[in-house]
Amino acid sequence: MTKQISFSKYEQKVLPNFRQKIGAAESTEDVKKFFVYTVQELFESIFAEKIDFEYEDIELMPGKEPYYLLSKQLVSSNEFKSVWNESDLPRLLSRLAETAVNRYKHLKKRPERTDAKIRM
């Protein structure tokens, strides 16, 4: 059995702010943006400047599991790949993505309320 690295302490650091932002999101675009920013923050904590993360490296994909997409450039990086394959990072990202997608679906069901808030 191989040893797996756990990054749950990093998840616990970003989770309260993520939940607050997702809960306050007024549009589906807000949800996508907050998800990306949170994942960037998580990755930057974990990789400590070893990898330069761009906004385009991470995307929320509400219609397709695992609900997120990482850029080919990112997943082909040896530094990223070794951590990704030997840790709980995929599960952490899945949990964040599920939370974001649930909020996304909720906002998508009620676009008239979202539009009304934006017009105010």
PDB file of N, CA and C in Angstrom:
ATOM      1  N   MET A   1       0.845  -1.182   0.000  1.00  0.00           N
ATOM      2  CA  MET A   1       0.000   0.000   0.000  1.00  0.00           C
ATOM      3  C   MET A   1       0.893   1.249   0.000  1.00  0.00           C
ATOM      4  N   THR A   2       0.608   2.166  -0.882  1.00  0.00           N
ATOM      5  CA  THR A   2       1.422   3.372  -0.987  1.00  0.00           C
ATOM      6  C   THR A   2       0.936   4.430  -0.004  1.00  0.00           C
ATOM      7  N   LYS A   3       1.868   5.243   0.405  1.00  0.00           N
ATOM      8  CA  LYS A   3       1.546   6.326   1.331  1.00  0.00           C
ATOM      9  C   LYS A   3       0.968   7.500   0.540  1.00  0.00           C
ATOM     10  N   GLN A   4      -0.094   8.084   1.069  1.00  0.00           N
ATOM     11  CA  GLN A   4      -0.740   9.198   0.392  1.00  0.00           C
ATOM     12  C   GLN A   4      -0.597  10.468   1.229  1.00  0.00           C
ATOM     13  N   ILE A   5      -0.248  11.550   0.555  1.00  0.00           N
ATOM     14  CA  ILE A   5      -0.086  12.846   1.206  1.00  0.00           C
ATOM     15  C   ILE A   5      -1.463  13.484   1.373  1.00  0.00           C
ATOM     16  N   SER A   6      -1.712  14.063   2.542  1.00  0.00           N
ATOM     17  CA  SER A   6      -2.995  14.716   2.786  1.00  0.00           C
ATOM     18  C   SER A   6      -2.826  16.236   2.848  1.00  0.00           C
ATOM     19  N   PHE A   7      -3.689  16.917   2.121  1.00  0.00           N
ATOM     20  CA  PHE A   7      -3.686  18.377   2.114  1.00  0.00           C
ATOM     21  C   PHE A   7      -4.951  18.952   2.743  1.00  0.00           C
ATOM     22  N   SER A   8      -5.604  18.169   3.583  1.00  0.00           N
ATOM     23  CA  SER A   8      -6.864  18.631   4.172  1.00  0.00           C
ATOM     24  C   SER A   8      -6.675  19.872   5.048  1.00  0.00           C
ATOM     25  N   LYS A   9      -5.491  20.044   5.644  1.00  0.00           N
ATOM     26  CA  LYS A   9      -5.278  21.253   6.455  1.00  0.00           C
ATOM     27  C   LYS A   9      -5.303  22.504   5.576  1.00  0.00           C
ATOM     28  N   TYR A  10      -4.848  22.384   4.341  1.00  0.00           N
ATOM     29  CA  TYR A  10      -4.910  23.513   3.406  1.00  0.00           C
ATOM     30  C   TYR A  10      -6.360  23.769   2.984  1.00  0.00           C
ATOM     31  N   GLU A  11      -7.103  22.679   2.810  1.00  0.00           N
ATOM     32  CA  GLU A  11      -8.522  22.809   2.463  1.00  0.00           C
ATOM     33  C   GLU A  11      -9.262  23.543   3.579  1.00  0.00           C
ATOM     34  N   GLN A  12      -8.966  23.187   4.822  1.00  0.00           N
ATOM     35  CA  GLN A  12      -9.636  23.816   5.960  1.00  0.00           C
ATOM     36  C   GLN A  12      -9.357  25.315   6.036  1.00  0.00           C
ATOM     37  N   LYS A  13      -8.200  25.735   5.543  1.00  0.00           N
ATOM     38  CA  LYS A  13      -7.862  27.165   5.548  1.00  0.00           C
ATOM     39  C   LYS A  13      -8.689  27.949   4.530  1.00  0.00           C
ATOM     40  N   VAL A  14      -8.953  27.366   3.363  1.00  0.00           N
ATOM     41  CA  VAL A  14      -9.676  28.096   2.313  1.00  0.00           C
ATOM     42  C   VAL A  14     -11.188  27.904   2.386  1.00  0.00           C
ATOM     43  N   LEU A  15     -11.637  26.865   3.079  1.00  0.00           N
ATOM     44  CA  LEU A  15     -13.055  26.521   3.096  1.00  0.00           C
ATOM     45  C   LEU A  15     -13.990  27.600   3.637  1.00  0.00           C
ATOM     46  N   PRO A  16     -13.723  28.220   4.783  1.00  0.00           N
ATOM     47  CA  PRO A  16     -14.666  29.233   5.286  1.00  0.00           C
ATOM     48  C   PRO A  16     -14.880  30.397   4.310  1.00  0.00           C
ATOM     49  N   ASN A  17     -13.809  30.908   3.753  1.00  0.00           N
ATOM     50  CA  ASN A  17     -13.907  32.013   2.799  1.00  0.00           C
ATOM     51  C   ASN A  17     -14.622  31.564   1.520  1.00  0.00           C
ATOM     52  N   PHE A  18     -14.338  30.344   1.079  1.00  0.00           N
ATOM     53  CA  PHE A  18     -14.983  29.788  -0.112  1.00  0.00           C
ATOM     54  C   PHE A  18     -16.494  29.684   0.097  1.00  0.00           C
ATOM     55  N   ARG A  19     -16.898  29.126   1.219  1.00  0.00           N
ATOM     56  CA  ARG A  19     -18.334  28.980   1.504  1.00  0.00           C
ATOM     57  C   ARG A  19     -19.033  30.335   1.565  1.00  0.00           C
ATOM     58  N   GLN A  20     -18.365  31.297   2.179  1.00  0.00           N
ATOM     59  CA  GLN A  20     -18.944  32.636   2.288  1.00  0.00           C
ATOM     60  C   GLN A  20     -19.118  33.250   0.903  1.00  0.00           C
ATOM     61  N   LYS A  21     -18.096  33.145   0.066  1.00  0.00           N
ATOM     62  CA  LYS A  21     -18.167  33.720  -1.282  1.00  0.00           C
ATOM     63  C   LYS A  21     -19.200  33.009  -2.149  1.00  0.00           C
ATOM     64  N   ILE A  22     -19.225  31.688  -2.084  1.00  0.00           N
ATOM     65  CA  ILE A  22     -20.189  30.922  -2.879  1.00  0.00           C
ATOM     66  C   ILE A  22     -21.609  31.253  -2.427  1.00  0.00           C
ATOM     67  N   GLY A  23     -21.819  31.354  -1.133  1.00  0.00           N
ATOM     68  CA  GLY A  23     -23.139  31.698  -0.611  1.00  0.00           C
ATOM     69  C   GLY A  23     -23.595  33.083  -1.026  1.00  0.00           C
ATOM     70  N   ALA A  24     -22.650  33.997  -1.200  1.00  0.00           N
ATOM     71  CA  ALA A  24     -22.969  35.374  -1.581  1.00  0.00           C
ATOM     72  C   ALA A  24     -23.014  35.574  -3.093  1.00  0.00           C
ATOM     73  N   ALA A  25     -22.626  34.559  -3.849  1.00  0.00           N
ATOM     74  CA  ALA A  25     -22.601  34.680  -5.313  1.00  0.00           C
ATOM     75  C   ALA A  25     -23.993  35.006  -5.838  1.00  0.00           C
ATOM     76  N   GLU A  26     -24.057  35.977  -6.738  1.00  0.00           N
ATOM     77  CA  GLU A  26     -25.341  36.404  -7.292  1.00  0.00           C
ATOM     78  C   GLU A  26     -25.557  35.928  -8.718  1.00  0.00           C
ATOM     79  N   SER A  27     -24.534  35.343  -9.316  1.00  0.00           N
ATOM     80  CA  SER A  27     -24.682  34.837 -10.682  1.00  0.00           C
ATOM     81  C   SER A  27     -23.847  33.576 -10.851  1.00  0.00           C
ATOM     82  N   THR A  28     -24.144  32.847 -11.906  1.00  0.00           N
ATOM     83  CA  THR A  28     -23.377  31.639 -12.191  1.00  0.00           C
ATOM     84  C   THR A  28     -21.926  31.984 -12.507  1.00  0.00           C
ATOM     85  N   GLU A  29     -21.703  33.141 -13.103  1.00  0.00           N
ATOM     86  CA  GLU A  29     -20.326  33.570 -13.399  1.00  0.00           C
ATOM     87  C   GLU A  29     -19.557  33.859 -12.113  1.00  0.00           C
ATOM     88  N   ASP A  30     -20.243  34.400 -11.104  1.00  0.00           N
ATOM     89  CA  ASP A  30     -19.610  34.614  -9.798  1.00  0.00           C
ATOM     90  C   ASP A  30     -19.149  33.283  -9.210  1.00  0.00           C
ATOM     91  N   VAL A  31     -20.002  32.275  -9.313  1.00  0.00           N
ATOM     92  CA  VAL A  31     -19.673  30.954  -8.775  1.00  0.00           C
ATOM     93  C   VAL A  31     -18.414  30.413  -9.447  1.00  0.00           C
ATOM     94  N   LYS A  32     -18.363  30.495 -10.772  1.00  0.00           N
ATOM     95  CA  LYS A  32     -17.186  30.011 -11.511  1.00  0.00           C
ATOM     96  C   LYS A  32     -15.928  30.756 -11.079  1.00  0.00           C
ATOM     97  N   LYS A  33     -16.049  32.063 -10.965  1.00  0.00           N
ATOM     98  CA  LYS A  33     -14.908  32.905 -10.600  1.00  0.00           C
ATOM     99  C   LYS A  33     -14.413  32.570  -9.187  1.00  0.00           C
ATOM    100  N   PHE A  34     -15.328  32.450  -8.224  1.00  0.00           N
ATOM    101  CA  PHE A  34     -14.937  32.157  -6.845  1.00  0.00           C
ATOM    102  C   PHE A  34     -14.310  30.771  -6.725  1.00  0.00           C
ATOM    103  N   PHE A  35     -14.808  29.824  -7.509  1.00  0.00           N
ATOM    104  CA  PHE A  35     -14.217  28.485  -7.512  1.00  0.00           C
ATOM    105  C   PHE A  35     -12.764  28.544  -7.979  1.00  0.00           C
ATOM    106  N   VAL A  36     -12.533  29.217  -9.096  1.00  0.00           N
ATOM    107  CA  VAL A  36     -11.175  29.311  -9.648  1.00  0.00           C
ATOM    108  C   VAL A  36     -10.241  30.014  -8.670  1.00  0.00           C
ATOM    109  N   TYR A  37     -10.677  31.126  -8.103  1.00  0.00           N
ATOM    110  CA  TYR A  37      -9.829  31.861  -7.161  1.00  0.00           C
ATOM    111  C   TYR A  37      -9.479  31.007  -5.939  1.00  0.00           C
ATOM    112  N   THR A  38     -10.442  30.244  -5.455  1.00  0.00           N
ATOM    113  CA  THR A  38     -10.202  29.401  -4.286  1.00  0.00           C
ATOM    114  C   THR A  38      -9.228  28.273  -4.606  1.00  0.00           C
ATOM    115  N   VAL A  39      -9.397  27.646  -5.763  1.00  0.00           N
ATOM    116  CA  VAL A  39      -8.481  26.570  -6.156  1.00  0.00           C
ATOM    117  C   VAL A  39      -7.076  27.129  -6.368  1.00  0.00           C
ATOM    118  N   GLN A  40      -6.986  28.311  -6.952  1.00  0.00           N
ATOM    119  CA  GLN A  40      -5.672  28.948  -7.108  1.00  0.00           C
ATOM    120  C   GLN A  40      -5.022  29.168  -5.743  1.00  0.00           C
ATOM    121  N   GLU A  41      -5.797  29.667  -4.805  1.00  0.00           N
ATOM    122  CA  GLU A  41      -5.280  29.908  -3.451  1.00  0.00           C
ATOM    123  C   GLU A  41      -4.818  28.600  -2.807  1.00  0.00           C
ATOM    124  N   LEU A  42      -5.603  27.551  -2.975  1.00  0.00           N
ATOM    125  CA  LEU A  42      -5.259  26.236  -2.442  1.00  0.00           C
ATOM    126  C   LEU A  42      -3.961  25.723  -3.063  1.00  0.00           C
ATOM    127  N   PHE A  43      -3.872  25.787  -4.382  1.00  0.00           N
ATOM    128  CA  PHE A  43      -2.675  25.320  -5.086  1.00  0.00           C
ATOM    129  C   PHE A  43      -1.442  26.127  -4.694  1.00  0.00           C
ATOM    130  N   GLU A  44      -1.605  27.437  -4.572  1.00  0.00           N
ATOM    131  CA  GLU A  44      -0.465  28.283  -4.208  1.00  0.00           C
ATOM    132  C   GLU A  44       0.030  27.965  -2.796  1.00  0.00           C
ATOM    133  N   SER A  45      -0.871  27.613  -1.902  1.00  0.00           N
ATOM    134  CA  SER A  45      -0.469  27.204  -0.553  1.00  0.00           C
ATOM    135  C   SER A  45       0.288  25.882  -0.588  1.00  0.00           C
ATOM    136  N   ILE A  46      -0.210  24.965  -1.380  1.00  0.00           N
ATOM    137  CA  ILE A  46       0.385  23.630  -1.446  1.00  0.00           C
ATOM    138  C   ILE A  46       1.730  23.640  -2.171  1.00  0.00           C
ATOM    139  N   PHE A  47       1.789  24.310  -3.295  1.00  0.00           N
ATOM    140  CA  PHE A  47       2.992  24.257  -4.130  1.00  0.00           C
ATOM    141  C   PHE A  47       3.997  25.368  -3.829  1.00  0.00           C
ATOM    142  N   ALA A  48       3.644  26.300  -2.982  1.00  0.00           N
ATOM    143  CA  ALA A  48       4.549  27.356  -2.506  1.00  0.00           C
ATOM    144  C   ALA A  48       5.477  27.913  -3.591  1.00  0.00           C
ATOM    145  N   GLU A  49       4.886  28.471  -4.621  1.00  0.00           N
ATOM    146  CA  GLU A  49       5.602  29.160  -5.705  1.00  0.00           C
ATOM    147  C   GLU A  49       6.460  28.256  -6.591  1.00  0.00           C
ATOM    148  N   LYS A  50       6.311  26.941  -6.482  1.00  0.00           N
ATOM    149  CA  LYS A  50       7.041  26.030  -7.368  1.00  0.00           C
ATOM    150  C   LYS A  50       6.401  25.997  -8.748  1.00  0.00           C
ATOM    151  N   ILE A  51       5.107  26.301  -8.789  1.00  0.00           N
ATOM    152  CA  ILE A  51       4.360  26.335 -10.047  1.00  0.00           C
ATOM    153  C   ILE A  51       3.616  27.662 -10.098  1.00  0.00           C
ATOM    154  N   ASP A  52       3.627  28.281 -11.264  1.00  0.00           N
ATOM    155  CA  ASP A  52       2.908  29.541 -11.451  1.00  0.00           C
ATOM    156  C   ASP A  52       1.526  29.221 -12.020  1.00  0.00           C
ATOM    157  N   PHE A  53       0.485  29.427 -11.224  1.00  0.00           N
ATOM    158  CA  PHE A  53      -0.876  29.105 -11.639  1.00  0.00           C
ATOM    159  C   PHE A  53      -1.538  30.308 -12.281  1.00  0.00           C
ATOM    160  N   GLU A  54      -2.169  30.067 -13.407  1.00  0.00           N
ATOM    161  CA  GLU A  54      -2.908  31.098 -14.127  1.00  0.00           C
ATOM    162  C   GLU A  54      -4.402  30.842 -13.952  1.00  0.00           C
ATOM    163  N   TYR A  55      -5.191  31.878 -14.108  1.00  0.00           N
ATOM    164  CA  TYR A  55      -6.648  31.761 -14.005  1.00  0.00           C
ATOM    165  C   TYR A  55      -7.175  30.712 -14.990  1.00  0.00           C
ATOM    166  N   GLU A  56      -6.577  30.662 -16.169  1.00  0.00           N
ATOM    167  CA  GLU A  56      -7.023  29.765 -17.236  1.00  0.00           C
ATOM    168  C   GLU A  56      -6.681  28.300 -16.975  1.00  0.00           C
ATOM    169  N   ASP A  57      -5.859  28.017 -15.974  1.00  0.00           N
ATOM    170  CA  ASP A  57      -5.465  26.638 -15.675  1.00  0.00           C
ATOM    171  C   ASP A  57      -6.583  25.840 -15.009  1.00  0.00           C
ATOM    172  N   ILE A  58      -7.575  26.535 -14.476  1.00  0.00           N
ATOM    173  CA  ILE A  58      -8.632  25.892 -13.700  1.00  0.00           C
ATOM    174  C   ILE A  58      -9.979  26.373 -14.223  1.00  0.00           C
ATOM    175  N   GLU A  59     -10.908  25.438 -14.388  1.00  0.00           N
ATOM    176  CA  GLU A  59     -12.233  25.816 -14.880  1.00  0.00           C
ATOM    177  C   GLU A  59     -13.295  24.955 -14.212  1.00  0.00           C
ATOM    178  N   LEU A  60     -14.388  25.574 -13.805  1.00  0.00           N
ATOM    179  CA  LEU A  60     -15.534  24.847 -13.267  1.00  0.00           C
ATOM    180  C   LEU A  60     -16.366  24.360 -14.442  1.00  0.00           C
ATOM    181  N   MET A  61     -16.704  23.064 -14.435  1.00  0.00           N
ATOM    182  CA  MET A  61     -17.477  22.450 -15.517  1.00  0.00           C
ATOM    183  C   MET A  61     -18.775  21.879 -14.937  1.00  0.00           C
ATOM    184  N   PRO A  62     -19.814  22.700 -14.792  1.00  0.00           N
ATOM    185  CA  PRO A  62     -21.037  22.263 -14.114  1.00  0.00           C
ATOM    186  C   PRO A  62     -21.771  21.099 -14.778  1.00  0.00           C
ATOM    187  N   GLY A  63     -21.586  20.897 -16.063  1.00  0.00           N
ATOM    188  CA  GLY A  63     -22.345  19.861 -16.751  1.00  0.00           C
ATOM    189  C   GLY A  63     -21.670  18.513 -16.831  1.00  0.00           C
ATOM    190  N   LYS A  64     -20.460  18.395 -16.333  1.00  0.00           N
ATOM    191  CA  LYS A  64     -19.714  17.154 -16.536  1.00  0.00           C
ATOM    192  C   LYS A  64     -18.833  16.845 -15.326  1.00  0.00           C
ATOM    193  N   GLU A  65     -19.044  15.660 -14.740  1.00  0.00           N
ATOM    194  CA  GLU A  65     -18.196  15.248 -13.620  1.00  0.00           C
ATOM    195  C   GLU A  65     -16.784  15.041 -14.118  1.00  0.00           C
ATOM    196  N   PRO A  66     -15.782  15.351 -13.353  1.00  0.00           N
ATOM    197  CA  PRO A  66     -15.742  15.702 -11.937  1.00  0.00           C
ATOM    198  C   PRO A  66     -16.018  17.175 -11.652  1.00  0.00           C
ATOM    199  N   TYR A  67     -16.635  17.882 -12.572  1.00  0.00           N
ATOM    200  CA  TYR A  67     -17.071  19.278 -12.423  1.00  0.00           C
ATOM    201  C   TYR A  67     -15.950  20.305 -12.488  1.00  0.00           C
ATOM    202  N   TYR A  68     -14.757  19.877 -12.793  1.00  0.00           N
ATOM    203  CA  TYR A  68     -13.661  20.829 -12.990  1.00  0.00           C
ATOM    204  C   TYR A  68     -12.758  20.322 -14.105  1.00  0.00           C
ATOM    205  N   LEU A  69     -12.013  21.248 -14.668  1.00  0.00           N
ATOM    206  CA  LEU A  69     -11.068  20.917 -15.730  1.00  0.00           C
ATOM    207  C   LEU A  69      -9.773  21.657 -15.439  1.00  0.00           C
ATOM    208  N   LEU A  70      -8.683  20.933 -15.495  1.00  0.00           N
ATOM    209  CA  LEU A  70      -7.361  21.526 -15.308  1.00  0.00           C
ATOM    210  C   LEU A  70      -6.662  21.552 -16.658  1.00  0.00           C
ATOM    211  N   SER A  71      -5.913  22.596 -16.927  1.00  0.00           N
ATOM    212  CA  SER A  71      -5.259  22.748 -18.230  1.00  0.00           C
ATOM    213  C   SER A  71      -4.237  21.640 -18.464  1.00  0.00           C
ATOM    214  N   LYS A  72      -4.030  21.312 -19.741  1.00  0.00           N
ATOM    215  CA  LYS A  72      -3.043  20.288 -20.102  1.00  0.00           C
ATOM    216  C   LYS A  72      -1.652  20.697 -19.651  1.00  0.00           C
ATOM    217  N   GLN A  73      -1.371  21.975 -19.744  1.00  0.00           N
ATOM    218  CA  GLN A  73      -0.064  22.484 -19.317  1.00  0.00           C
ATOM    219  C   GLN A  73       0.164  22.188 -17.834  1.00  0.00           C
ATOM    220  N   LEU A  74      -0.865  22.381 -17.039  1.00  0.00           N
ATOM    221  CA  LEU A  74      -0.755  22.151 -15.601  1.00  0.00           C
ATOM    222  C   LEU A  74      -0.589  20.666 -15.289  1.00  0.00           C
ATOM    223  N   VAL A  75      -1.461  19.832 -15.834  1.00  0.00           N
ATOM    224  CA  VAL A  75      -1.417  18.404 -15.501  1.00  0.00           C
ATOM    225  C   VAL A  75      -0.202  17.696 -16.097  1.00  0.00           C
ATOM    226  N   SER A  76       0.428  18.284 -17.091  1.00  0.00           N
ATOM    227  CA  SER A  76       1.628  17.667 -17.661  1.00  0.00           C
ATOM    228  C   SER A  76       2.900  18.077 -16.919  1.00  0.00           C
ATOM    229  N   SER A  77       2.793  19.048 -16.038  1.00  0.00           N
ATOM    230  CA  SER A  77       3.940  19.478 -15.235  1.00  0.00           C
ATOM    231  C   SER A  77       4.337  18.351 -14.271  1.00  0.00           C
ATOM    232  N   ASN A  78       5.605  17.982 -14.269  1.00  0.00           N
ATOM    233  CA  ASN A  78       6.079  16.896 -13.397  1.00  0.00           C
ATOM    234  C   ASN A  78       5.838  17.196 -11.924  1.00  0.00           C
ATOM    235  N   GLU A  79       6.082  18.431 -11.533  1.00  0.00           N
ATOM    236  CA  GLU A  79       5.878  18.845 -10.138  1.00  0.00           C
ATOM    237  C   GLU A  79       4.415  18.634  -9.725  1.00  0.00           C
ATOM    238  N   PHE A  80       3.499  19.076 -10.572  1.00  0.00           N
ATOM    239  CA  PHE A  80       2.074  18.951 -10.276  1.00  0.00           C
ATOM    240  C   PHE A  80       1.640  17.488 -10.314  1.00  0.00           C
ATOM    241  N   LYS A  81       2.060  16.787 -11.349  1.00  0.00           N
ATOM    242  CA  LYS A  81       1.651  15.401 -11.556  1.00  0.00           C
ATOM    243  C   LYS A  81       2.027  14.510 -10.371  1.00  0.00           C
ATOM    244  N   SER A  82       3.240  14.671  -9.855  1.00  0.00           N
ATOM    245  CA  SER A  82       3.669  13.818  -8.740  1.00  0.00           C
ATOM    246  C   SER A  82       2.818  14.067  -7.492  1.00  0.00           C
ATOM    247  N   VAL A  83       2.516  15.319  -7.213  1.00  0.00           N
ATOM    248  CA  VAL A  83       1.674  15.635  -6.050  1.00  0.00           C
ATOM    249  C   VAL A  83       0.242  15.160  -6.285  1.00  0.00           C
ATOM    250  N   TRP A  84      -0.289  15.402  -7.463  1.00  0.00           N
ATOM    251  CA  TRP A  84      -1.664  15.034  -7.807  1.00  0.00           C
ATOM    252  C   TRP A  84      -1.887  13.525  -7.654  1.00  0.00           C
ATOM    253  N   ASN A  85      -0.932  12.732  -8.137  1.00  0.00           N
ATOM    254  CA  ASN A  85      -1.076  11.275  -8.129  1.00  0.00           C
ATOM    255  C   ASN A  85      -0.830  10.638  -6.767  1.00  0.00           C
ATOM    256  N   GLU A  86      -0.170  11.338  -5.866  1.00  0.00           N
ATOM    257  CA  GLU A  86       0.195  10.749  -4.576  1.00  0.00           C
ATOM    258  C   GLU A  86      -0.454  11.452  -3.388  1.00  0.00           C
ATOM    259  N   SER A  87      -1.585  12.120  -3.642  1.00  0.00           N
ATOM    260  CA  SER A  87      -2.222  12.869  -2.553  1.00  0.00           C
ATOM    261  C   SER A  87      -3.742  12.808  -2.653  1.00  0.00           C
ATOM    262  N   ASP A  88      -4.377  13.470  -1.696  1.00  0.00           N
ATOM    263  CA  ASP A  88      -5.836  13.567  -1.695  1.00  0.00           C
ATOM    264  C   ASP A  88      -6.323  14.806  -2.453  1.00  0.00           C
ATOM    265  N   LEU A  89      -5.442  15.456  -3.176  1.00  0.00           N
ATOM    266  CA  LEU A  89      -5.792  16.682  -3.899  1.00  0.00           C
ATOM    267  C   LEU A  89      -6.968  16.501  -4.868  1.00  0.00           C
ATOM    268  N   PRO A  90      -7.040  15.395  -5.630  1.00  0.00           N
ATOM    269  CA  PRO A  90      -8.219  15.220  -6.498  1.00  0.00           C
ATOM    270  C   PRO A  90      -9.539  15.204  -5.717  1.00  0.00           C
ATOM    271  N   ARG A  91      -9.534  14.569  -4.548  1.00  0.00           N
ATOM    272  CA  ARG A  91     -10.758  14.540  -3.730  1.00  0.00           C
ATOM    273  C   ARG A  91     -11.103  15.920  -3.187  1.00  0.00           C
ATOM    274  N   LEU A  92     -10.080  16.684  -2.778  1.00  0.00           N
ATOM    275  CA  LEU A  92     -10.326  18.038  -2.273  1.00  0.00           C
ATOM    276  C   LEU A  92     -10.954  18.897  -3.358  1.00  0.00           C
ATOM    277  N   LEU A  93     -10.402  18.810  -4.552  1.00  0.00           N
ATOM    278  CA  LEU A  93     -10.922  19.594  -5.669  1.00  0.00           C
ATOM    279  C   LEU A  93     -12.347  19.173  -6.013  1.00  0.00           C
ATOM    280  N   SER A  94     -12.618  17.879  -5.948  1.00  0.00           N
ATOM    281  CA  SER A  94     -13.973  17.387  -6.225  1.00  0.00           C
ATOM    282  C   SER A  94     -14.975  17.936  -5.223  1.00  0.00           C
ATOM    283  N   ARG A  95     -14.594  17.992  -3.964  1.00  0.00           N
ATOM    284  CA  ARG A  95     -15.506  18.528  -2.939  1.00  0.00           C
ATOM    285  C   ARG A  95     -15.789  20.008  -3.168  1.00  0.00           C
ATOM    286  N   LEU A  96     -14.747  20.773  -3.475  1.00  0.00           N
ATOM    287  CA  LEU A  96     -14.944  22.199  -3.760  1.00  0.00           C
ATOM    288  C   LEU A  96     -15.826  22.376  -4.994  1.00  0.00           C
ATOM    289  N   ALA A  97     -15.564  21.573  -6.017  1.00  0.00           N
ATOM    290  CA  ALA A  97     -16.331  21.675  -7.259  1.00  0.00           C
ATOM    291  C   ALA A  97     -17.798  21.309  -7.029  1.00  0.00           C
ATOM    292  N   GLU A  98     -18.057  20.286  -6.230  1.00  0.00           N
ATOM    293  CA  GLU A  98     -19.441  19.900  -5.947  1.00  0.00           C
ATOM    294  C   GLU A  98     -20.201  21.019  -5.251  1.00  0.00           C
ATOM    295  N   THR A  99     -19.572  21.643  -4.283  1.00  0.00           N
ATOM    296  CA  THR A  99     -20.192  22.768  -3.583  1.00  0.00           C
ATOM    297  C   THR A  99     -20.506  23.893  -4.561  1.00  0.00           C
ATOM    298  N   ALA A 100     -19.544  24.213  -5.415  1.00  0.00           N
ATOM    299  CA  ALA A 100     -19.733  25.282  -6.400  1.00  0.00           C
ATOM    300  C   ALA A 100     -20.832  24.928  -7.395  1.00  0.00           C
ATOM    301  N   VAL A 101     -20.866  23.686  -7.847  1.00  0.00           N
ATOM    302  CA  VAL A 101     -21.874  23.270  -8.827  1.00  0.00           C
ATOM    303  C   VAL A 101     -23.270  23.292  -8.212  1.00  0.00           C
ATOM    304  N   ASN A 102     -23.392  22.919  -6.953  1.00  0.00           N
ATOM    305  CA  ASN A 102     -24.704  22.986  -6.298  1.00  0.00           C
ATOM    306  C   ASN A 102     -25.224  24.420  -6.285  1.00  0.00           C
ATOM    307  N   ARG A 103     -24.371  25.368  -5.959  1.00  0.00           N
ATOM    308  CA  ARG A 103     -24.770  26.782  -5.960  1.00  0.00           C
ATOM    309  C   ARG A 103     -25.061  27.241  -7.385  1.00  0.00           C
ATOM    310  N   TYR A 104     -24.244  26.807  -8.325  1.00  0.00           N
ATOM    311  CA  TYR A 104     -24.421  27.144  -9.739  1.00  0.00           C
ATOM    312  C   TYR A 104     -25.813  26.697 -10.211  1.00  0.00           C
ATOM    313  N   LYS A 105     -26.170  25.452  -9.896  1.00  0.00           N
ATOM    314  CA  LYS A 105     -27.476  24.913 -10.308  1.00  0.00           C
ATOM    315  C   LYS A 105     -28.615  25.685  -9.650  1.00  0.00           C
ATOM    316  N   HIS A 106     -28.440  26.038  -8.392  1.00  0.00           N
ATOM    317  CA  HIS A 106     -29.458  26.810  -7.675  1.00  0.00           C
ATOM    318  C   HIS A 106     -29.683  28.162  -8.358  1.00  0.00           C
ATOM    319  N   LEU A 107     -28.606  28.846  -8.702  1.00  0.00           N
ATOM    320  CA  LEU A 107     -28.726  30.153  -9.365  1.00  0.00           C
ATOM    321  C   LEU A 107     -29.275  30.008 -10.782  1.00  0.00           C
ATOM    322  N   LYS A 108     -28.940  28.925 -11.439  1.00  0.00           N
ATOM    323  CA  LYS A 108     -29.395  28.696 -12.817  1.00  0.00           C
ATOM    324  C   LYS A 108     -30.916  28.484 -12.853  1.00  0.00           C
ATOM    325  N   LYS A 109     -31.466  27.887 -11.793  1.00  0.00           N
ATOM    326  CA  LYS A 109     -32.910  27.643 -11.723  1.00  0.00           C
ATOM    327  C   LYS A 109     -33.707  28.933 -11.611  1.00  0.00           C
ATOM    328  N   ARG A 110     -33.113  29.952 -11.015  1.00  0.00           N
ATOM    329  CA  ARG A 110     -33.822  31.201 -10.753  1.00  0.00           C
ATOM    330  C   ARG A 110     -33.130  32.392 -11.407  1.00  0.00           C
ATOM    331  N   PRO A 111     -32.997  32.399 -12.724  1.00  0.00           N
ATOM    332  CA  PRO A 111     -32.272  33.500 -13.380  1.00  0.00           C
ATOM    333  C   PRO A 111     -32.955  34.857 -13.220  1.00  0.00           C
ATOM    334  N   GLU A 112     -34.272  34.874 -13.064  1.00  0.00           N
ATOM    335  CA  GLU A 112     -34.966  36.157 -12.922  1.00  0.00           C
ATOM    336  C   GLU A 112     -34.579  36.853 -11.618  1.00  0.00           C
ATOM    337  N   ARG A 113     -34.350  36.089 -10.566  1.00  0.00           N
ATOM    338  CA  ARG A 113     -33.913  36.688  -9.298  1.00  0.00           C
ATOM    339  C   ARG A 113     -32.488  37.210  -9.424  1.00  0.00           C
ATOM    340  N   THR A 114     -31.659  36.456 -10.106  1.00  0.00           N
ATOM    341  CA  THR A 114     -30.274  36.884 -10.319  1.00  0.00           C
ATOM    342  C   THR A 114     -30.247  38.157 -11.144  1.00  0.00           C
ATOM    343  N   ASP A 115     -31.028  38.196 -12.220  1.00  0.00           N
ATOM    344  CA  ASP A 115     -31.083  39.382 -13.076  1.00  0.00           C
ATOM    345  C   ASP A 115     -31.607  40.591 -12.310  1.00  0.00           C
ATOM    346  N   ALA A 116     -32.592  40.374 -11.444  1.00  0.00           N
ATOM    347  CA  ALA A 116     -33.153  41.476 -10.663  1.00  0.00           C
ATOM    348  C   ALA A 116     -32.103  42.065  -9.724  1.00  0.00           C
ATOM    349  N   LYS A 117     -31.281  41.222  -9.128  1.00  0.00           N
ATOM    350  CA  LYS A 117     -30.225  41.707  -8.235  1.00  0.00           C
ATOM    351  C   LYS A 117     -29.181  42.498  -9.006  1.00  0.00           C
ATOM    352  N   ILE A 118     -28.867  42.049 -10.199  1.00  0.00           N
ATOM    353  CA  ILE A 118     -27.852  42.720 -11.012  1.00  0.00           C
ATOM    354  C   ILE A 118     -28.341  44.098 -11.448  1.00  0.00           C
ATOM    355  N   ARG A 119     -29.620  44.223 -11.779  1.00  0.00           N
ATOM    356  CA  ARG A 119     -30.173  45.499 -12.252  1.00  0.00           C
ATOM    357  C   ARG A 119     -30.265  46.545 -11.152  1.00  0.00           C
ATOM    358  N   MET A 120     -30.353  46.122  -9.911  1.00  0.00           N
ATOM    359  CA  MET A 120     -30.531  47.075  -8.801  1.00  0.00           C
ATOM    360  C   MET A 120     -29.384  47.999  -8.650  1.00  0.00           C
TER     361      MET A 120
END
